[in-house]
Amino acid sequence: MLASRLGKSRYIWSLTALRGNASSAVPDELYKRISVDVLSHDAAVLRSYGQFASLASKELDLSCEQSSVEKRAIERRSLLKSKHIYKAHFVQYELRTYGLTLRFRHLTGSTAETLLEYLQRHLPEGVAMQVERVRIEPLPDQLAKQDAH
């Protein structure tokens, strides 16, 4: 679609220019694991979002481990039916929170940023997301010198 608007030669030129800038940049970060916790009050919404995330990861050739939708917390609140009297007439409400955990392994920084941005943009309304990243760091210089001796 973009190529038809810009013309094929201009589109190819812009891609080669972008690739040239990327090679001279700082080395990409490596992630051992990225865990995405998704919380919602509706289990069906989480199941649907889990299917979407697994299909998106398959399109990007990533491995996605998905846990099943499970109840995380149940909060109960008791309230009076009337605000003035009749303490014998209570109503009890439940707030259920369901959770889903998605795990992605062995990602580069650019792939992780692309995947997380895509998942966040398609997050349903009323759903919370928490991301935990485990980055691979190089061995500190002091320890590397000790290993060499």
N, C-alpha and C. Protein backbone atom coordinates (compact mmCIF):
# COMPACT_ATOMS: atom_id res chain seq x y z
N MET A 1 0.83 -1.18 0.00
CA MET A 1 0.00 0.00 0.00
C MET A 1 0.88 1.25 0.00
N LEU A 2 1.89 1.27 0.86
CA LEU A 2 2.79 2.40 0.93
C LEU A 2 3.61 2.51 -0.35
N ALA A 3 3.99 1.35 -0.90
CA ALA A 3 4.80 1.35 -2.13
C ALA A 3 4.00 1.92 -3.30
N SER A 4 2.71 1.66 -3.35
CA SER A 4 1.91 2.17 -4.46
C SER A 4 1.75 3.69 -4.37
N ARG A 5 1.72 4.25 -3.16
CA ARG A 5 1.58 5.69 -3.02
C ARG A 5 2.89 6.42 -3.34
N LEU A 6 4.00 5.88 -2.91
CA LEU A 6 5.27 6.57 -3.08
C LEU A 6 5.96 6.25 -4.40
N GLY A 7 5.58 5.20 -5.02
CA GLY A 7 6.31 4.75 -6.20
C GLY A 7 7.36 3.76 -5.75
N LYS A 8 7.58 2.73 -6.55
CA LYS A 8 8.42 1.62 -6.13
C LYS A 8 9.86 2.04 -5.88
N SER A 9 10.43 2.88 -6.73
CA SER A 9 11.84 3.23 -6.57
C SER A 9 12.06 4.05 -5.29
N ARG A 10 11.16 4.97 -4.98
CA ARG A 10 11.32 5.77 -3.76
C ARG A 10 11.16 4.91 -2.52
N TYR A 11 10.27 3.92 -2.58
CA TYR A 11 10.04 3.04 -1.43
C TYR A 11 11.27 2.18 -1.17
N ILE A 12 11.87 1.61 -2.20
CA ILE A 12 13.07 0.79 -2.04
C ILE A 12 14.22 1.64 -1.52
N TRP A 13 14.34 2.86 -2.02
CA TRP A 13 15.39 3.76 -1.56
C TRP A 13 15.24 4.06 -0.08
N SER A 14 14.01 4.30 0.39
CA SER A 14 13.80 4.62 1.80
C SER A 14 14.12 3.42 2.69
N LEU A 15 13.83 2.21 2.22
CA LEU A 15 14.16 1.02 3.01
C LEU A 15 15.68 0.83 3.12
N THR A 16 16.40 1.06 2.03
CA THR A 16 17.85 0.91 2.10
C THR A 16 18.46 1.99 2.97
N ALA A 17 17.91 3.18 2.97
CA ALA A 17 18.42 4.24 3.84
C ALA A 17 18.20 3.89 5.30
N LEU A 18 17.04 3.31 5.61
CA LEU A 18 16.77 2.92 6.99
C LEU A 18 17.69 1.79 7.44
N ARG A 19 17.94 0.84 6.57
CA ARG A 19 18.82 -0.27 6.93
C ARG A 19 20.25 0.21 7.16
N GLY A 20 20.69 1.20 6.40
CA GLY A 20 22.03 1.74 6.57
C GLY A 20 22.19 2.41 7.92
N ASN A 21 21.16 3.10 8.42
CA ASN A 21 21.23 3.75 9.73
C ASN A 21 21.20 2.74 10.85
N ALA A 22 20.49 1.65 10.67
CA ALA A 22 20.35 0.66 11.74
C ALA A 22 21.66 -0.08 11.98
N SER A 23 22.47 -0.29 10.94
CA SER A 23 23.69 -1.06 11.13
C SER A 23 24.75 -0.27 11.88
N SER A 24 24.72 1.05 11.81
CA SER A 24 25.73 1.86 12.49
C SER A 24 25.31 2.21 13.92
N ALA A 25 24.15 1.77 14.35
CA ALA A 25 23.65 2.11 15.69
C ALA A 25 24.30 1.22 16.75
N VAL A 26 23.91 1.46 17.98
CA VAL A 26 24.39 0.70 19.13
C VAL A 26 23.89 -0.74 19.02
N PRO A 27 24.65 -1.74 19.48
CA PRO A 27 24.18 -3.14 19.41
C PRO A 27 22.83 -3.31 20.12
N ASP A 28 22.03 -4.18 19.57
CA ASP A 28 20.68 -4.43 20.08
C ASP A 28 20.75 -5.18 21.42
N GLU A 29 19.79 -4.88 22.31
CA GLU A 29 19.72 -5.58 23.59
C GLU A 29 19.16 -6.99 23.36
N LEU A 30 19.52 -7.90 24.24
CA LEU A 30 19.01 -9.27 24.17
C LEU A 30 18.22 -9.56 25.43
N TYR A 31 17.06 -10.17 25.27
CA TYR A 31 16.21 -10.52 26.40
C TYR A 31 16.10 -12.03 26.49
N LYS A 32 16.32 -12.55 27.68
CA LYS A 32 16.18 -13.98 27.90
C LYS A 32 14.70 -14.36 27.97
N ARG A 33 13.94 -13.50 28.65
CA ARG A 33 12.52 -13.79 28.83
C ARG A 33 11.75 -12.49 29.00
N ILE A 34 10.55 -12.45 28.44
CA ILE A 34 9.62 -11.34 28.68
C ILE A 34 8.30 -11.96 29.10
N SER A 35 7.83 -11.58 30.30
CA SER A 35 6.56 -12.08 30.82
C SER A 35 5.54 -10.95 30.79
N VAL A 36 4.39 -11.23 30.21
CA VAL A 36 3.31 -10.25 30.13
C VAL A 36 2.15 -10.79 30.95
N ASP A 37 1.82 -10.09 32.05
CA ASP A 37 0.66 -10.44 32.87
C ASP A 37 -0.49 -9.55 32.47
N VAL A 38 -1.63 -10.16 32.16
CA VAL A 38 -2.82 -9.43 31.73
C VAL A 38 -3.93 -9.72 32.73
N LEU A 39 -4.57 -8.67 33.26
CA LEU A 39 -5.63 -8.81 34.25
C LEU A 39 -6.92 -8.20 33.72
N SER A 40 -8.05 -8.86 34.03
CA SER A 40 -9.35 -8.38 33.58
C SER A 40 -10.43 -8.92 34.51
N HIS A 41 -11.61 -8.32 34.41
CA HIS A 41 -12.76 -8.81 35.18
C HIS A 41 -13.61 -9.80 34.38
N ASP A 42 -13.23 -10.04 33.14
CA ASP A 42 -13.99 -10.94 32.28
C ASP A 42 -13.06 -12.01 31.71
N ALA A 43 -13.34 -13.27 32.01
CA ALA A 43 -12.48 -14.37 31.57
C ALA A 43 -12.54 -14.56 30.06
N ALA A 44 -13.70 -14.33 29.43
CA ALA A 44 -13.84 -14.51 27.99
C ALA A 44 -12.97 -13.52 27.22
N VAL A 45 -12.85 -12.31 27.73
CA VAL A 45 -12.01 -11.30 27.09
C VAL A 45 -10.55 -11.74 27.13
N LEU A 46 -10.11 -12.30 28.25
CA LEU A 46 -8.73 -12.76 28.37
C LEU A 46 -8.45 -13.95 27.46
N ARG A 47 -9.41 -14.87 27.34
CA ARG A 47 -9.21 -16.00 26.42
C ARG A 47 -9.03 -15.51 24.98
N SER A 48 -9.86 -14.57 24.59
CA SER A 48 -9.78 -14.02 23.24
C SER A 48 -8.46 -13.28 23.03
N TYR A 49 -8.03 -12.52 24.03
CA TYR A 49 -6.77 -11.78 23.90
C TYR A 49 -5.58 -12.75 23.89
N GLY A 50 -5.68 -13.84 24.61
CA GLY A 50 -4.63 -14.86 24.59
C GLY A 50 -4.49 -15.49 23.22
N GLN A 51 -5.61 -15.76 22.55
CA GLN A 51 -5.57 -16.29 21.19
C GLN A 51 -4.96 -15.28 20.22
N PHE A 52 -5.33 -14.02 20.40
CA PHE A 52 -4.77 -12.97 19.55
C PHE A 52 -3.25 -12.86 19.73
N ALA A 53 -2.79 -12.90 20.98
CA ALA A 53 -1.36 -12.78 21.25
C ALA A 53 -0.58 -13.98 20.70
N SER A 54 -1.15 -15.16 20.81
CA SER A 54 -0.44 -16.33 20.28
C SER A 54 -0.39 -16.30 18.75
N LEU A 55 -1.45 -15.84 18.10
CA LEU A 55 -1.42 -15.70 16.64
C LEU A 55 -0.43 -14.63 16.20
N ALA A 56 -0.37 -13.53 16.95
CA ALA A 56 0.58 -12.46 16.61
C ALA A 56 2.02 -12.96 16.77
N SER A 57 2.28 -13.76 17.80
CA SER A 57 3.64 -14.27 18.00
C SER A 57 4.00 -15.30 16.92
N LYS A 58 3.03 -16.08 16.46
CA LYS A 58 3.30 -17.02 15.36
C LYS A 58 3.65 -16.29 14.07
N GLU A 59 2.98 -15.16 13.82
CA GLU A 59 3.27 -14.38 12.61
C GLU A 59 4.68 -13.80 12.65
N LEU A 60 5.17 -13.50 13.86
CA LEU A 60 6.53 -12.96 14.01
C LEU A 60 7.56 -14.05 14.26
N ASP A 61 7.17 -15.32 14.16
CA ASP A 61 8.05 -16.47 14.40
C ASP A 61 8.67 -16.45 15.79
N LEU A 62 7.83 -16.19 16.80
CA LEU A 62 8.28 -16.18 18.20
C LEU A 62 7.60 -17.30 18.95
N SER A 63 8.27 -17.81 19.97
CA SER A 63 7.66 -18.84 20.80
C SER A 63 6.91 -18.16 21.95
N CYS A 64 5.66 -18.55 22.11
CA CYS A 64 4.81 -17.96 23.15
C CYS A 64 4.27 -19.08 24.03
N GLU A 65 4.62 -19.03 25.32
CA GLU A 65 4.04 -19.95 26.29
C GLU A 65 2.89 -19.22 26.96
N GLN A 66 1.75 -19.85 26.98
CA GLN A 66 0.56 -19.20 27.50
C GLN A 66 -0.02 -20.03 28.63
N SER A 67 -0.23 -19.40 29.79
CA SER A 67 -0.90 -20.11 30.88
C SER A 67 -2.40 -19.94 30.70
N SER A 68 -3.16 -20.79 31.35
CA SER A 68 -4.61 -20.71 31.21
C SER A 68 -5.15 -19.53 32.04
N VAL A 69 -6.36 -19.13 31.71
CA VAL A 69 -7.01 -18.04 32.44
C VAL A 69 -7.39 -18.57 33.82
N GLU A 70 -6.97 -17.85 34.85
CA GLU A 70 -7.24 -18.31 36.21
C GLU A 70 -7.71 -17.14 37.07
N LYS A 71 -8.45 -17.48 38.12
CA LYS A 71 -8.91 -16.46 39.05
C LYS A 71 -7.74 -16.01 39.90
N ARG A 72 -7.50 -14.72 39.97
CA ARG A 72 -6.40 -14.19 40.78
C ARG A 72 -6.91 -13.69 42.12
N ALA A 73 -8.04 -13.00 42.12
CA ALA A 73 -8.55 -12.42 43.37
C ALA A 73 -10.06 -12.30 43.29
N ILE A 74 -10.69 -12.50 44.44
CA ILE A 74 -12.13 -12.27 44.57
C ILE A 74 -12.32 -11.34 45.75
N GLU A 75 -12.88 -10.18 45.49
CA GLU A 75 -13.12 -9.21 46.55
C GLU A 75 -14.63 -9.08 46.74
N ARG A 76 -15.07 -9.24 47.98
CA ARG A 76 -16.50 -9.14 48.29
C ARG A 76 -16.76 -7.90 49.11
N ARG A 77 -17.86 -7.21 48.77
CA ARG A 77 -18.26 -6.01 49.51
C ARG A 77 -19.72 -6.15 49.89
N SER A 78 -20.01 -5.91 51.16
CA SER A 78 -21.38 -5.97 51.66
C SER A 78 -21.89 -4.56 51.86
N LEU A 79 -23.04 -4.28 51.30
CA LEU A 79 -23.64 -2.95 51.39
C LEU A 79 -25.10 -3.06 51.82
N LEU A 80 -25.58 -2.01 52.48
CA LEU A 80 -26.99 -1.96 52.84
C LEU A 80 -27.84 -1.65 51.63
N LYS A 81 -29.07 -2.23 51.59
CA LYS A 81 -29.99 -1.90 50.50
C LYS A 81 -30.49 -0.47 50.65
N SER A 82 -30.71 -0.05 51.86
CA SER A 82 -31.16 1.30 52.14
C SER A 82 -30.04 2.05 52.84
N LYS A 83 -29.91 3.34 52.56
CA LYS A 83 -28.80 4.07 53.16
C LYS A 83 -29.08 4.55 54.58
N HIS A 84 -30.32 4.43 55.07
CA HIS A 84 -30.64 4.94 56.39
C HIS A 84 -30.87 3.85 57.43
N ILE A 85 -31.71 2.87 57.10
CA ILE A 85 -32.10 1.88 58.11
C ILE A 85 -32.05 0.48 57.54
N TYR A 86 -32.60 -0.45 58.31
CA TYR A 86 -32.73 -1.85 57.91
C TYR A 86 -31.35 -2.52 57.75
N LYS A 87 -30.66 -2.63 58.87
CA LYS A 87 -29.34 -3.27 58.84
C LYS A 87 -29.43 -4.76 58.54
N ALA A 88 -30.60 -5.31 58.60
CA ALA A 88 -30.75 -6.73 58.32
C ALA A 88 -30.74 -7.01 56.81
N HIS A 89 -30.92 -5.98 56.00
CA HIS A 89 -31.01 -6.16 54.55
C HIS A 89 -29.70 -5.74 53.89
N PHE A 90 -28.84 -6.72 53.70
CA PHE A 90 -27.55 -6.48 53.06
C PHE A 90 -27.54 -7.07 51.65
N VAL A 91 -26.73 -6.49 50.81
CA VAL A 91 -26.48 -7.01 49.47
C VAL A 91 -24.97 -7.21 49.37
N GLN A 92 -24.56 -8.35 48.82
CA GLN A 92 -23.13 -8.62 48.70
C GLN A 92 -22.74 -8.62 47.22
N TYR A 93 -21.69 -7.84 46.91
CA TYR A 93 -21.18 -7.75 45.55
C TYR A 93 -19.80 -8.40 45.48
N GLU A 94 -19.51 -9.00 44.34
CA GLU A 94 -18.20 -9.63 44.13
C GLU A 94 -17.48 -8.94 42.97
N LEU A 95 -16.20 -8.69 43.19
CA LEU A 95 -15.33 -8.20 42.13
C LEU A 95 -14.32 -9.30 41.86
N ARG A 96 -14.44 -9.96 40.72
CA ARG A 96 -13.53 -11.05 40.38
C ARG A 96 -12.49 -10.54 39.41
N THR A 97 -11.25 -10.93 39.64
CA THR A 97 -10.15 -10.56 38.77
C THR A 97 -9.54 -11.83 38.21
N TYR A 98 -9.48 -11.91 36.89
CA TYR A 98 -8.89 -13.05 36.20
C TYR A 98 -7.55 -12.63 35.63
N GLY A 99 -6.64 -13.58 35.54
CA GLY A 99 -5.30 -13.28 35.04
C GLY A 99 -4.85 -14.26 33.98
N LEU A 100 -3.97 -13.77 33.12
CA LEU A 100 -3.37 -14.57 32.05
C LEU A 100 -1.91 -14.16 31.94
N THR A 101 -1.02 -15.13 31.84
CA THR A 101 0.41 -14.86 31.71
C THR A 101 0.90 -15.37 30.37
N LEU A 102 1.56 -14.48 29.63
CA LEU A 102 2.18 -14.82 28.34
C LEU A 102 3.68 -14.71 28.51
N ARG A 103 4.42 -15.73 28.07
CA ARG A 103 5.89 -15.71 28.19
C ARG A 103 6.51 -15.85 26.81
N PHE A 104 7.42 -14.94 26.52
CA PHE A 104 8.17 -14.96 25.27
C PHE A 104 9.63 -15.14 25.63
N ARG A 105 10.34 -15.99 24.89
CA ARG A 105 11.74 -16.30 25.20
C ARG A 105 12.66 -15.91 24.05
N HIS A 106 13.88 -15.49 24.43
CA HIS A 106 14.98 -15.22 23.51
C HIS A 106 14.59 -14.21 22.43
N LEU A 107 14.43 -12.95 22.85
CA LEU A 107 14.06 -11.87 21.94
C LEU A 107 15.17 -10.83 21.86
N THR A 108 15.24 -10.16 20.73
CA THR A 108 16.11 -8.99 20.62
C THR A 108 15.33 -7.76 21.06
N GLY A 109 16.03 -6.67 21.29
CA GLY A 109 15.38 -5.45 21.77
C GLY A 109 14.38 -4.89 20.78
N SER A 110 14.73 -4.85 19.51
CA SER A 110 13.82 -4.29 18.51
C SER A 110 12.58 -5.17 18.33
N THR A 111 12.77 -6.49 18.35
CA THR A 111 11.62 -7.40 18.25
C THR A 111 10.71 -7.27 19.46
N ALA A 112 11.31 -7.15 20.64
CA ALA A 112 10.53 -7.01 21.87
C ALA A 112 9.72 -5.72 21.85
N GLU A 113 10.34 -4.61 21.44
CA GLU A 113 9.63 -3.33 21.38
C GLU A 113 8.47 -3.39 20.39
N THR A 114 8.70 -4.01 19.23
CA THR A 114 7.65 -4.14 18.22
C THR A 114 6.50 -4.99 18.73
N LEU A 115 6.82 -6.12 19.34
CA LEU A 115 5.79 -7.02 19.85
C LEU A 115 4.98 -6.36 20.96
N LEU A 116 5.66 -5.72 21.91
CA LEU A 116 4.96 -5.11 23.03
C LEU A 116 4.10 -3.93 22.59
N GLU A 117 4.59 -3.16 21.65
CA GLU A 117 3.78 -2.05 21.15
C GLU A 117 2.54 -2.57 20.45
N TYR A 118 2.68 -3.64 19.67
CA TYR A 118 1.53 -4.23 18.97
C TYR A 118 0.52 -4.80 19.97
N LEU A 119 1.01 -5.48 21.01
CA LEU A 119 0.10 -6.03 22.01
C LEU A 119 -0.59 -4.93 22.80
N GLN A 120 0.12 -3.86 23.11
CA GLN A 120 -0.48 -2.77 23.88
C GLN A 120 -1.50 -2.00 23.07
N ARG A 121 -1.25 -1.83 21.79
CA ARG A 121 -2.21 -1.10 20.96
C ARG A 121 -3.52 -1.86 20.76
N HIS A 122 -3.46 -3.19 20.85
CA HIS A 122 -4.66 -4.00 20.67
C HIS A 122 -5.22 -4.52 22.00
N LEU A 123 -4.82 -3.90 23.09
CA LEU A 123 -5.32 -4.29 24.40
C LEU A 123 -6.78 -3.87 24.54
N PRO A 124 -7.67 -4.79 24.92
CA PRO A 124 -9.09 -4.42 25.06
C PRO A 124 -9.29 -3.42 26.20
N GLU A 125 -10.42 -2.76 26.15
CA GLU A 125 -10.74 -1.77 27.17
C GLU A 125 -11.03 -2.46 28.50
N GLY A 126 -10.53 -1.92 29.59
CA GLY A 126 -10.75 -2.49 30.91
C GLY A 126 -9.80 -3.61 31.26
N VAL A 127 -8.71 -3.75 30.50
CA VAL A 127 -7.73 -4.81 30.74
C VAL A 127 -6.40 -4.15 31.12
N ALA A 128 -5.78 -4.67 32.17
CA ALA A 128 -4.49 -4.15 32.63
C ALA A 128 -3.37 -5.06 32.17
N MET A 129 -2.21 -4.46 31.89
CA MET A 129 -1.06 -5.22 31.43
C MET A 129 0.17 -4.83 32.25
N GLN A 130 0.93 -5.84 32.66
CA GLN A 130 2.19 -5.62 33.36
C GLN A 130 3.26 -6.45 32.66
N VAL A 131 4.39 -5.82 32.35
CA VAL A 131 5.46 -6.47 31.59
C VAL A 131 6.70 -6.59 32.47
N GLU A 132 7.29 -7.79 32.47
CA GLU A 132 8.54 -8.04 33.19
C GLU A 132 9.56 -8.54 32.17
N ARG A 133 10.72 -7.86 32.13
CA ARG A 133 11.77 -8.21 31.16
C ARG A 133 13.01 -8.69 31.91
N VAL A 134 13.61 -9.75 31.40
CA VAL A 134 14.89 -10.25 31.91
C VAL A 134 15.91 -10.08 30.80
N ARG A 135 16.80 -9.10 30.97
CA ARG A 135 17.77 -8.75 29.94
C ARG A 135 19.09 -9.49 30.18
N ILE A 136 19.74 -9.88 29.11
CA ILE A 136 21.04 -10.53 29.19
C ILE A 136 22.10 -9.43 29.18
N GLU A 137 22.92 -9.40 30.21
CA GLU A 137 23.96 -8.39 30.36
C GLU A 137 25.33 -9.03 30.12
N PRO A 138 26.29 -8.26 29.62
CA PRO A 138 27.65 -8.80 29.49
C PRO A 138 28.30 -8.94 30.87
N LEU A 139 29.26 -9.80 30.96
CA LEU A 139 29.99 -10.02 32.20
C LEU A 139 30.79 -8.76 32.54
N PRO A 140 30.74 -8.27 33.80
CA PRO A 140 31.50 -7.08 34.16
C PRO A 140 32.99 -7.28 33.92
N ASP A 141 33.70 -6.17 33.66
CA ASP A 141 35.14 -6.23 33.35
C ASP A 141 35.95 -6.87 34.46
N GLN A 142 35.63 -6.58 35.71
CA GLN A 142 36.37 -7.13 36.84
C GLN A 142 36.28 -8.66 36.87
N LEU A 143 35.09 -9.18 36.62
CA LEU A 143 34.93 -10.64 36.62
C LEU A 143 35.54 -11.27 35.38
N ALA A 144 35.50 -10.58 34.27
CA ALA A 144 36.10 -11.10 33.04
C ALA A 144 37.63 -11.20 33.21
N LYS A 145 38.24 -10.22 33.90
CA LYS A 145 39.69 -10.26 34.13
C LYS A 145 40.06 -11.41 35.07
N GLN A 146 39.21 -11.67 36.07
CA GLN A 146 39.46 -12.78 36.99
C GLN A 146 39.38 -14.12 36.29
N ASP A 147 38.44 -14.26 35.35
CA ASP A 147 38.31 -15.51 34.61
C ASP A 147 39.49 -15.74 33.68
N ALA A 148 40.09 -14.65 33.17
CA ALA A 148 41.22 -14.76 32.25
C ALA A 148 42.48 -15.24 32.96
N HIS A 149 42.62 -14.91 34.26
CA HIS A 149 43.84 -15.28 35.01
C HIS A 149 43.79 -16.67 35.48
